[in-house]
Amino acid sequence: MNPNPTPKPADSTQLGCQVSELSIAQLVGQVYEAAPPTLRGRLLEHLMRPLGVLSLLAVANGIFAKIRFRGGWPDLHVRLEDAQNVQASDVITLVSYVQQVSVHAVDGLADMLAASPVMMSSAAAALLMTVLVQRARTRRATDGQAGDSFATAR
């Protein structure tokens, strides 16, 4: 008879609700801080790809537009020195903007993280991957339900 009750482990649905409340942009910023320079460049390339130059000018005082112009056209390549000059706060701002334009671009970070054991070594990367996968599953389930209701309405 233990007077101190032991807490029950949370099931996956409860954990998903708690985790999804965290800011994805903040998690990406933490992952960016922990990543080596070459992986930082790949992360920036992935996030910048869906945005046009005018959008990049509006984010983080235009730092990403400068990188875009130096990185080549039409293929984007972020130089190591450019990746080192970008702060985590700039990445957080970029992710917040990209999520408004293309949620799928941010969700695609899960594939990038899964392909890189170096990036998955941080707790922030593991948590980000979990959040992104859960969000993608929820979106697919919601899209499937909307498609079912459309089919029955015909």
N, C-alpha and C. Protein backbone atom coordinates (compact mmCIF):
# COMPACT_ATOMS: atom_id res chain seq x y z
N MET A 1 0.83 -1.18 0.00
CA MET A 1 0.00 0.00 0.00
C MET A 1 0.87 1.25 0.00
N ASN A 2 1.09 1.75 -1.13
CA ASN A 2 1.91 2.93 -1.31
C ASN A 2 1.02 4.16 -1.22
N PRO A 3 1.27 5.08 -0.24
CA PRO A 3 0.42 6.26 -0.11
C PRO A 3 0.61 7.24 -1.28
N ASN A 4 1.70 7.12 -1.99
CA ASN A 4 1.94 8.01 -3.14
C ASN A 4 1.52 7.29 -4.42
N PRO A 5 0.41 7.71 -5.00
CA PRO A 5 -0.02 7.02 -6.23
C PRO A 5 0.97 7.29 -7.36
N THR A 6 1.18 6.26 -8.15
CA THR A 6 2.06 6.43 -9.31
C THR A 6 1.21 6.86 -10.50
N PRO A 7 1.70 7.85 -11.23
CA PRO A 7 0.92 8.33 -12.36
C PRO A 7 0.89 7.28 -13.47
N LYS A 8 -0.25 7.21 -14.13
CA LYS A 8 -0.38 6.30 -15.26
C LYS A 8 0.30 6.92 -16.47
N PRO A 9 0.95 6.12 -17.30
CA PRO A 9 1.52 6.68 -18.51
C PRO A 9 0.42 7.15 -19.44
N ALA A 10 0.67 8.26 -20.12
CA ALA A 10 -0.33 8.82 -21.03
C ALA A 10 -0.42 7.94 -22.27
N ASP A 11 -1.66 7.74 -22.73
CA ASP A 11 -1.80 7.00 -23.98
C ASP A 11 -1.42 7.92 -25.15
N SER A 12 -1.32 7.34 -26.33
CA SER A 12 -0.79 8.10 -27.47
C SER A 12 -1.70 9.26 -27.87
N THR A 13 -3.01 9.16 -27.64
CA THR A 13 -3.88 10.28 -28.01
C THR A 13 -3.68 11.45 -27.08
N GLN A 14 -3.51 11.17 -25.77
CA GLN A 14 -3.25 12.26 -24.82
C GLN A 14 -1.90 12.90 -25.12
N LEU A 15 -0.91 12.08 -25.38
CA LEU A 15 0.42 12.60 -25.69
C LEU A 15 0.36 13.45 -26.95
N GLY A 16 -0.38 13.00 -27.95
CA GLY A 16 -0.50 13.75 -29.20
C GLY A 16 -1.11 15.11 -28.98
N CYS A 17 -2.10 15.20 -28.10
CA CYS A 17 -2.72 16.50 -27.82
C CYS A 17 -1.73 17.42 -27.13
N GLN A 18 -0.95 16.89 -26.19
CA GLN A 18 0.01 17.72 -25.48
C GLN A 18 1.12 18.18 -26.43
N VAL A 19 1.62 17.29 -27.25
CA VAL A 19 2.73 17.60 -28.13
C VAL A 19 2.30 18.57 -29.21
N SER A 20 1.10 18.41 -29.74
CA SER A 20 0.67 19.25 -30.85
C SER A 20 0.46 20.70 -30.42
N GLU A 21 0.38 20.95 -29.13
CA GLU A 21 0.23 22.32 -28.65
C GLU A 21 1.54 23.09 -28.72
N LEU A 22 2.65 22.40 -28.87
CA LEU A 22 3.95 23.07 -28.96
C LEU A 22 4.07 23.76 -30.31
N SER A 23 4.87 24.77 -30.34
CA SER A 23 5.07 25.52 -31.57
C SER A 23 6.03 24.78 -32.50
N ILE A 24 5.54 24.44 -33.68
CA ILE A 24 6.38 23.77 -34.66
C ILE A 24 7.54 24.67 -35.06
N ALA A 25 7.24 25.94 -35.23
CA ALA A 25 8.30 26.89 -35.62
C ALA A 25 9.42 26.92 -34.57
N GLN A 26 9.05 26.90 -33.29
CA GLN A 26 10.05 26.90 -32.22
C GLN A 26 10.90 25.63 -32.28
N LEU A 27 10.25 24.50 -32.53
CA LEU A 27 10.99 23.25 -32.61
C LEU A 27 11.96 23.25 -33.79
N VAL A 28 11.51 23.76 -34.94
CA VAL A 28 12.41 23.84 -36.09
C VAL A 28 13.60 24.74 -35.76
N GLY A 29 13.35 25.83 -35.05
CA GLY A 29 14.44 26.71 -34.63
C GLY A 29 15.44 25.99 -33.75
N GLN A 30 14.97 25.16 -32.84
CA GLN A 30 15.87 24.39 -31.98
C GLN A 30 16.66 23.35 -32.78
N VAL A 31 15.97 22.71 -33.73
CA VAL A 31 16.66 21.74 -34.58
C VAL A 31 17.74 22.44 -35.40
N TYR A 32 17.42 23.61 -35.91
CA TYR A 32 18.37 24.39 -36.70
C TYR A 32 19.61 24.74 -35.87
N GLU A 33 19.40 25.16 -34.64
CA GLU A 33 20.53 25.50 -33.76
C GLU A 33 21.45 24.32 -33.52
N ALA A 34 20.87 23.12 -33.41
CA ALA A 34 21.65 21.93 -33.10
C ALA A 34 22.31 21.30 -34.33
N ALA A 35 21.87 21.69 -35.52
CA ALA A 35 22.35 21.06 -36.75
C ALA A 35 23.72 21.60 -37.16
N PRO A 36 24.54 20.74 -37.77
CA PRO A 36 25.81 21.22 -38.32
C PRO A 36 25.55 22.11 -39.55
N PRO A 37 26.51 22.92 -39.95
CA PRO A 37 26.30 23.90 -41.03
C PRO A 37 25.76 23.32 -42.34
N THR A 38 26.24 22.17 -42.76
CA THR A 38 25.76 21.61 -44.03
C THR A 38 24.28 21.25 -43.95
N LEU A 39 23.87 20.70 -42.83
CA LEU A 39 22.46 20.35 -42.66
C LEU A 39 21.60 21.60 -42.46
N ARG A 40 22.18 22.64 -41.88
CA ARG A 40 21.46 23.91 -41.76
C ARG A 40 21.12 24.44 -43.16
N GLY A 41 22.09 24.35 -44.05
CA GLY A 41 21.86 24.79 -45.43
C GLY A 41 20.74 24.02 -46.10
N ARG A 42 20.73 22.71 -45.94
CA ARG A 42 19.66 21.88 -46.53
C ARG A 42 18.30 22.23 -45.94
N LEU A 43 18.27 22.48 -44.63
CA LEU A 43 17.03 22.85 -43.97
C LEU A 43 16.51 24.18 -44.52
N LEU A 44 17.40 25.15 -44.67
CA LEU A 44 17.00 26.45 -45.22
C LEU A 44 16.52 26.31 -46.67
N GLU A 45 17.22 25.52 -47.46
CA GLU A 45 16.81 25.31 -48.85
C GLU A 45 15.40 24.75 -48.92
N HIS A 46 15.13 23.77 -48.08
CA HIS A 46 13.80 23.14 -48.05
C HIS A 46 12.72 24.15 -47.68
N LEU A 47 13.01 24.97 -46.69
CA LEU A 47 12.01 25.94 -46.22
C LEU A 47 11.83 27.10 -47.19
N MET A 48 12.88 27.49 -47.87
CA MET A 48 12.80 28.64 -48.78
C MET A 48 12.17 28.28 -50.13
N ARG A 49 12.25 27.03 -50.51
CA ARG A 49 11.83 26.60 -51.84
C ARG A 49 10.41 27.02 -52.21
N PRO A 50 9.40 26.91 -51.35
CA PRO A 50 8.04 27.27 -51.79
C PRO A 50 7.77 28.77 -51.86
N LEU A 51 8.71 29.58 -51.43
CA LEU A 51 8.48 31.02 -51.38
C LEU A 51 9.13 31.74 -52.56
N GLY A 52 8.44 32.76 -53.05
CA GLY A 52 9.00 33.61 -54.08
C GLY A 52 9.89 34.68 -53.46
N VAL A 53 10.55 35.43 -54.33
CA VAL A 53 11.50 36.44 -53.85
C VAL A 53 10.79 37.52 -53.03
N LEU A 54 9.61 37.95 -53.47
CA LEU A 54 8.89 38.98 -52.70
C LEU A 54 8.53 38.49 -51.30
N SER A 55 8.15 37.24 -51.20
CA SER A 55 7.86 36.68 -49.88
C SER A 55 9.11 36.63 -49.03
N LEU A 56 10.22 36.23 -49.64
CA LEU A 56 11.47 36.15 -48.89
C LEU A 56 11.94 37.52 -48.43
N LEU A 57 11.63 38.57 -49.20
CA LEU A 57 11.98 39.92 -48.78
C LEU A 57 11.23 40.33 -47.51
N ALA A 58 10.02 39.81 -47.35
CA ALA A 58 9.17 40.20 -46.23
C ALA A 58 9.52 39.48 -44.93
N VAL A 59 10.35 38.46 -45.01
CA VAL A 59 10.65 37.63 -43.84
C VAL A 59 12.03 37.99 -43.29
N ALA A 60 12.10 38.23 -42.00
CA ALA A 60 13.38 38.43 -41.28
C ALA A 60 14.27 39.47 -41.95
N ASN A 61 13.69 40.61 -42.24
CA ASN A 61 14.43 41.73 -42.83
C ASN A 61 15.13 41.39 -44.14
N GLY A 62 14.58 40.45 -44.88
CA GLY A 62 15.10 40.13 -46.20
C GLY A 62 16.34 39.26 -46.24
N ILE A 63 16.74 38.70 -45.11
CA ILE A 63 17.96 37.88 -45.09
C ILE A 63 17.85 36.70 -46.03
N PHE A 64 16.64 36.13 -46.16
CA PHE A 64 16.48 34.95 -47.01
C PHE A 64 16.45 35.32 -48.49
N ALA A 65 15.99 36.51 -48.81
CA ALA A 65 16.04 36.98 -50.20
C ALA A 65 17.50 37.17 -50.62
N LYS A 66 18.32 37.70 -49.74
CA LYS A 66 19.75 37.86 -50.05
C LYS A 66 20.39 36.50 -50.30
N ILE A 67 20.04 35.54 -49.47
CA ILE A 67 20.58 34.18 -49.63
C ILE A 67 20.11 33.61 -50.97
N ARG A 68 18.86 33.85 -51.30
CA ARG A 68 18.29 33.34 -52.55
C ARG A 68 19.02 33.91 -53.76
N PHE A 69 19.31 35.19 -53.74
CA PHE A 69 20.01 35.80 -54.86
C PHE A 69 21.46 35.32 -54.96
N ARG A 70 22.12 35.11 -53.83
CA ARG A 70 23.50 34.61 -53.84
C ARG A 70 23.57 33.12 -54.15
N GLY A 71 22.48 32.42 -53.89
CA GLY A 71 22.48 30.96 -54.00
C GLY A 71 22.27 30.42 -55.39
N GLY A 72 22.01 31.25 -56.36
CA GLY A 72 21.83 30.77 -57.73
C GLY A 72 20.37 30.68 -58.12
N TRP A 73 20.17 30.72 -59.41
CA TRP A 73 18.81 30.68 -59.95
C TRP A 73 18.80 29.76 -61.14
N PRO A 74 17.90 28.90 -61.36
CA PRO A 74 16.71 28.57 -60.60
C PRO A 74 16.97 27.60 -59.45
N ASP A 75 18.11 26.92 -59.47
CA ASP A 75 18.42 25.98 -58.38
C ASP A 75 18.94 26.74 -57.18
N LEU A 76 18.35 26.44 -56.04
CA LEU A 76 18.73 27.13 -54.81
C LEU A 76 19.81 26.32 -54.10
N HIS A 77 20.89 27.00 -53.74
CA HIS A 77 21.94 26.38 -52.94
C HIS A 77 22.38 27.40 -51.89
N VAL A 78 22.19 27.05 -50.63
CA VAL A 78 22.58 27.94 -49.53
C VAL A 78 24.05 27.69 -49.21
N ARG A 79 24.83 28.74 -49.26
CA ARG A 79 26.26 28.64 -48.96
C ARG A 79 26.45 28.48 -47.45
N LEU A 80 27.55 27.83 -47.07
CA LEU A 80 27.83 27.57 -45.65
C LEU A 80 27.88 28.86 -44.84
N GLU A 81 28.54 29.89 -45.37
CA GLU A 81 28.64 31.14 -44.61
C GLU A 81 27.28 31.81 -44.45
N ASP A 82 26.39 31.63 -45.44
CA ASP A 82 25.03 32.17 -45.31
C ASP A 82 24.26 31.43 -44.21
N ALA A 83 24.39 30.11 -44.18
CA ALA A 83 23.70 29.32 -43.16
C ALA A 83 24.20 29.68 -41.77
N GLN A 84 25.48 30.00 -41.63
CA GLN A 84 26.02 30.35 -40.33
C GLN A 84 25.55 31.73 -39.87
N ASN A 85 25.19 32.59 -40.82
CA ASN A 85 24.72 33.93 -40.47
C ASN A 85 23.24 33.98 -40.10
N VAL A 86 22.52 32.93 -40.37
CA VAL A 86 21.09 32.89 -40.05
C VAL A 86 20.92 32.42 -38.61
N GLN A 87 20.17 33.20 -37.84
CA GLN A 87 19.91 32.88 -36.44
C GLN A 87 18.66 32.01 -36.32
N ALA A 88 18.52 31.31 -35.20
CA ALA A 88 17.35 30.49 -34.96
C ALA A 88 16.07 31.32 -34.99
N SER A 89 16.14 32.56 -34.51
CA SER A 89 14.95 33.43 -34.54
C SER A 89 14.51 33.73 -35.97
N ASP A 90 15.48 33.83 -36.89
CA ASP A 90 15.15 34.03 -38.30
C ASP A 90 14.44 32.79 -38.87
N VAL A 91 14.92 31.62 -38.48
CA VAL A 91 14.31 30.37 -38.95
C VAL A 91 12.90 30.23 -38.40
N ILE A 92 12.70 30.61 -37.16
CA ILE A 92 11.36 30.55 -36.56
C ILE A 92 10.40 31.45 -37.34
N THR A 93 10.86 32.64 -37.70
CA THR A 93 10.04 33.56 -38.50
C THR A 93 9.76 32.96 -39.87
N LEU A 94 10.77 32.35 -40.48
CA LEU A 94 10.60 31.73 -41.80
C LEU A 94 9.59 30.59 -41.75
N VAL A 95 9.70 29.73 -40.75
CA VAL A 95 8.78 28.59 -40.63
C VAL A 95 7.35 29.08 -40.41
N SER A 96 7.18 30.09 -39.59
CA SER A 96 5.84 30.65 -39.37
C SER A 96 5.23 31.14 -40.68
N TYR A 97 6.04 31.76 -41.50
CA TYR A 97 5.57 32.26 -42.80
C TYR A 97 5.30 31.11 -43.77
N VAL A 98 6.21 30.15 -43.82
CA VAL A 98 6.05 29.01 -44.74
C VAL A 98 4.80 28.21 -44.40
N GLN A 99 4.49 28.07 -43.12
CA GLN A 99 3.29 27.33 -42.72
C GLN A 99 2.02 27.98 -43.28
N GLN A 100 2.03 29.29 -43.45
CA GLN A 100 0.88 29.99 -44.02
C GLN A 100 0.76 29.73 -45.52
N VAL A 101 1.90 29.53 -46.17
CA VAL A 101 1.92 29.35 -47.62
C VAL A 101 1.78 27.88 -48.00
N SER A 102 2.51 27.01 -47.33
CA SER A 102 2.54 25.60 -47.69
C SER A 102 2.81 24.74 -46.46
N VAL A 103 1.75 24.21 -45.89
CA VAL A 103 1.89 23.33 -44.72
C VAL A 103 2.66 22.09 -45.13
N HIS A 104 2.48 21.65 -46.36
CA HIS A 104 3.16 20.44 -46.83
C HIS A 104 4.67 20.62 -46.85
N ALA A 105 5.15 21.83 -47.10
CA ALA A 105 6.59 22.07 -47.08
C ALA A 105 7.15 21.85 -45.68
N VAL A 106 6.43 22.31 -44.68
CA VAL A 106 6.88 22.10 -43.30
C VAL A 106 6.76 20.62 -42.93
N ASP A 107 5.67 19.98 -43.36
CA ASP A 107 5.51 18.55 -43.09
C ASP A 107 6.62 17.74 -43.74
N GLY A 108 7.14 18.22 -44.87
CA GLY A 108 8.23 17.53 -45.56
C GLY A 108 9.52 17.49 -44.76
N LEU A 109 9.60 18.30 -43.73
CA LEU A 109 10.78 18.26 -42.87
C LEU A 109 10.91 16.91 -42.18
N ALA A 110 9.81 16.22 -41.98
CA ALA A 110 9.85 14.90 -41.34
C ALA A 110 10.68 13.94 -42.18
N ASP A 111 10.52 13.98 -43.49
CA ASP A 111 11.32 13.12 -44.37
C ASP A 111 12.80 13.48 -44.28
N MET A 112 13.08 14.79 -44.25
CA MET A 112 14.47 15.24 -44.16
C MET A 112 15.09 14.79 -42.84
N LEU A 113 14.35 14.90 -41.76
CA LEU A 113 14.87 14.49 -40.46
C LEU A 113 15.09 12.98 -40.42
N ALA A 114 14.16 12.23 -40.97
CA ALA A 114 14.27 10.77 -40.96
C ALA A 114 15.49 10.30 -41.75
N ALA A 115 15.86 11.04 -42.78
CA ALA A 115 16.99 10.66 -43.61
C ALA A 115 18.34 11.05 -43.01
N SER A 116 18.32 11.78 -41.91
CA SER A 116 19.57 12.26 -41.33
C SER A 116 19.72 11.82 -39.88
N PRO A 117 20.53 10.81 -39.63
CA PRO A 117 20.75 10.38 -38.24
C PRO A 117 21.35 11.48 -37.37
N VAL A 118 22.15 12.37 -37.98
CA VAL A 118 22.76 13.45 -37.21
C VAL A 118 21.67 14.38 -36.67
N MET A 119 20.69 14.71 -37.52
CA MET A 119 19.64 15.62 -37.08
C MET A 119 18.70 14.95 -36.08
N MET A 120 18.49 13.66 -36.21
CA MET A 120 17.57 12.96 -35.31
C MET A 120 18.18 12.71 -33.94
N SER A 121 19.42 13.10 -33.74
CA SER A 121 20.06 12.85 -32.45
C SER A 121 19.59 13.82 -31.36
N SER A 122 18.91 14.89 -31.74
CA SER A 122 18.46 15.84 -30.73
C SER A 122 17.02 15.54 -30.32
N ALA A 123 16.71 15.88 -29.09
CA ALA A 123 15.35 15.68 -28.58
C ALA A 123 14.36 16.56 -29.34
N ALA A 124 14.77 17.76 -29.71
CA ALA A 124 13.88 18.66 -30.46
C ALA A 124 13.52 18.06 -31.81
N ALA A 125 14.49 17.43 -32.47
CA ALA A 125 14.23 16.81 -33.78
C ALA A 125 13.26 15.64 -33.63
N ALA A 126 13.45 14.83 -32.61
CA ALA A 126 12.54 13.70 -32.39
C ALA A 126 11.13 14.19 -32.09
N LEU A 127 11.02 15.22 -31.28
CA LEU A 127 9.71 15.78 -30.96
C LEU A 127 9.07 16.43 -32.19
N LEU A 128 9.87 17.15 -32.96
CA LEU A 128 9.36 17.76 -34.19
C LEU A 128 8.86 16.70 -35.15
N MET A 129 9.61 15.64 -35.32
CA MET A 129 9.19 14.56 -36.21
C MET A 129 7.86 13.97 -35.75
N THR A 130 7.71 13.75 -34.46
CA THR A 130 6.47 13.21 -33.92
C THR A 130 5.30 14.14 -34.21
N VAL A 131 5.49 15.43 -33.97
CA VAL A 131 4.43 16.41 -34.19
C VAL A 131 4.04 16.47 -35.66
N LEU A 132 5.03 16.48 -36.55
CA LEU A 132 4.75 16.57 -37.98
C LEU A 132 4.03 15.33 -38.49
N VAL A 133 4.43 14.15 -38.04
CA VAL A 133 3.78 12.92 -38.46
C VAL A 133 2.33 12.88 -37.96
N GLN A 134 2.13 13.27 -36.71
CA GLN A 134 0.77 13.29 -36.16
C GLN A 134 -0.11 14.30 -36.90
N ARG A 135 0.45 15.45 -37.22
CA ARG A 135 -0.32 16.46 -37.94
C ARG A 135 -0.69 15.97 -39.33
N ALA A 136 0.23 15.30 -40.00
CA ALA A 136 -0.05 14.76 -41.34
C ALA A 136 -1.13 13.69 -41.27
N ARG A 137 -1.07 12.83 -40.26
CA ARG A 137 -2.11 11.79 -40.10
C ARG A 137 -3.48 12.42 -39.84
N THR A 138 -3.51 13.41 -38.99
CA THR A 138 -4.77 14.08 -38.67
C THR A 138 -5.34 14.74 -39.92
N ARG A 139 -4.48 15.38 -40.69
CA ARG A 139 -4.94 16.04 -41.91
C ARG A 139 -5.48 15.03 -42.91
N ARG A 140 -4.79 13.87 -43.05
CA ARG A 140 -5.27 12.84 -43.97
C ARG A 140 -6.61 12.30 -43.53
N ALA A 141 -6.77 12.09 -42.22
CA ALA A 141 -8.04 11.58 -41.71
C ALA A 141 -9.15 12.59 -41.94
N THR A 142 -8.86 13.87 -41.71
CA THR A 142 -9.84 14.93 -41.93
C THR A 142 -10.19 15.04 -43.41
N ASP A 143 -9.17 14.97 -44.27
CA ASP A 143 -9.41 15.03 -45.71
C ASP A 143 -10.24 13.84 -46.17
N GLY A 144 -9.97 12.66 -45.60
CA GLY A 144 -10.72 11.45 -45.95
C GLY A 144 -12.19 11.55 -45.55
N GLN A 145 -12.43 12.14 -44.38
CA GLN A 145 -13.82 12.32 -43.94
C GLN A 145 -14.54 13.33 -44.81
N ALA A 146 -13.84 14.38 -45.21
CA ALA A 146 -14.46 15.38 -46.09
C ALA A 146 -14.76 14.76 -47.44
N GLY A 147 -13.88 13.90 -47.93
CA GLY A 147 -14.12 13.22 -49.21
C GLY A 147 -15.29 12.26 -49.11
N ASP A 148 -15.43 11.57 -47.96
CA ASP A 148 -16.56 10.66 -47.77
C ASP A 148 -17.88 11.42 -47.76
N SER A 149 -17.92 12.57 -47.10
CA SER A 149 -19.17 13.33 -47.04
C SER A 149 -19.51 13.91 -48.40
N PHE A 150 -18.48 14.23 -49.20
CA PHE A 150 -18.73 14.73 -50.55
C PHE A 150 -19.29 13.62 -51.41
N ALA A 151 -18.76 12.39 -51.26
CA ALA A 151 -19.23 11.27 -52.08
C ALA A 151 -20.66 10.91 -51.73
N THR A 152 -21.03 10.97 -50.45
CA THR A 152 -22.39 10.62 -50.06
C THR A 152 -23.39 11.71 -50.45
N ALA A 153 -22.92 12.93 -50.62
CA ALA A 153 -23.81 14.03 -50.98
C ALA A 153 -24.20 13.97 -52.46
N ARG A 154 -23.46 13.22 -53.26
CA ARG A 154 -23.74 13.13 -54.68
C ARG A 154 -24.93 12.33 -54.92
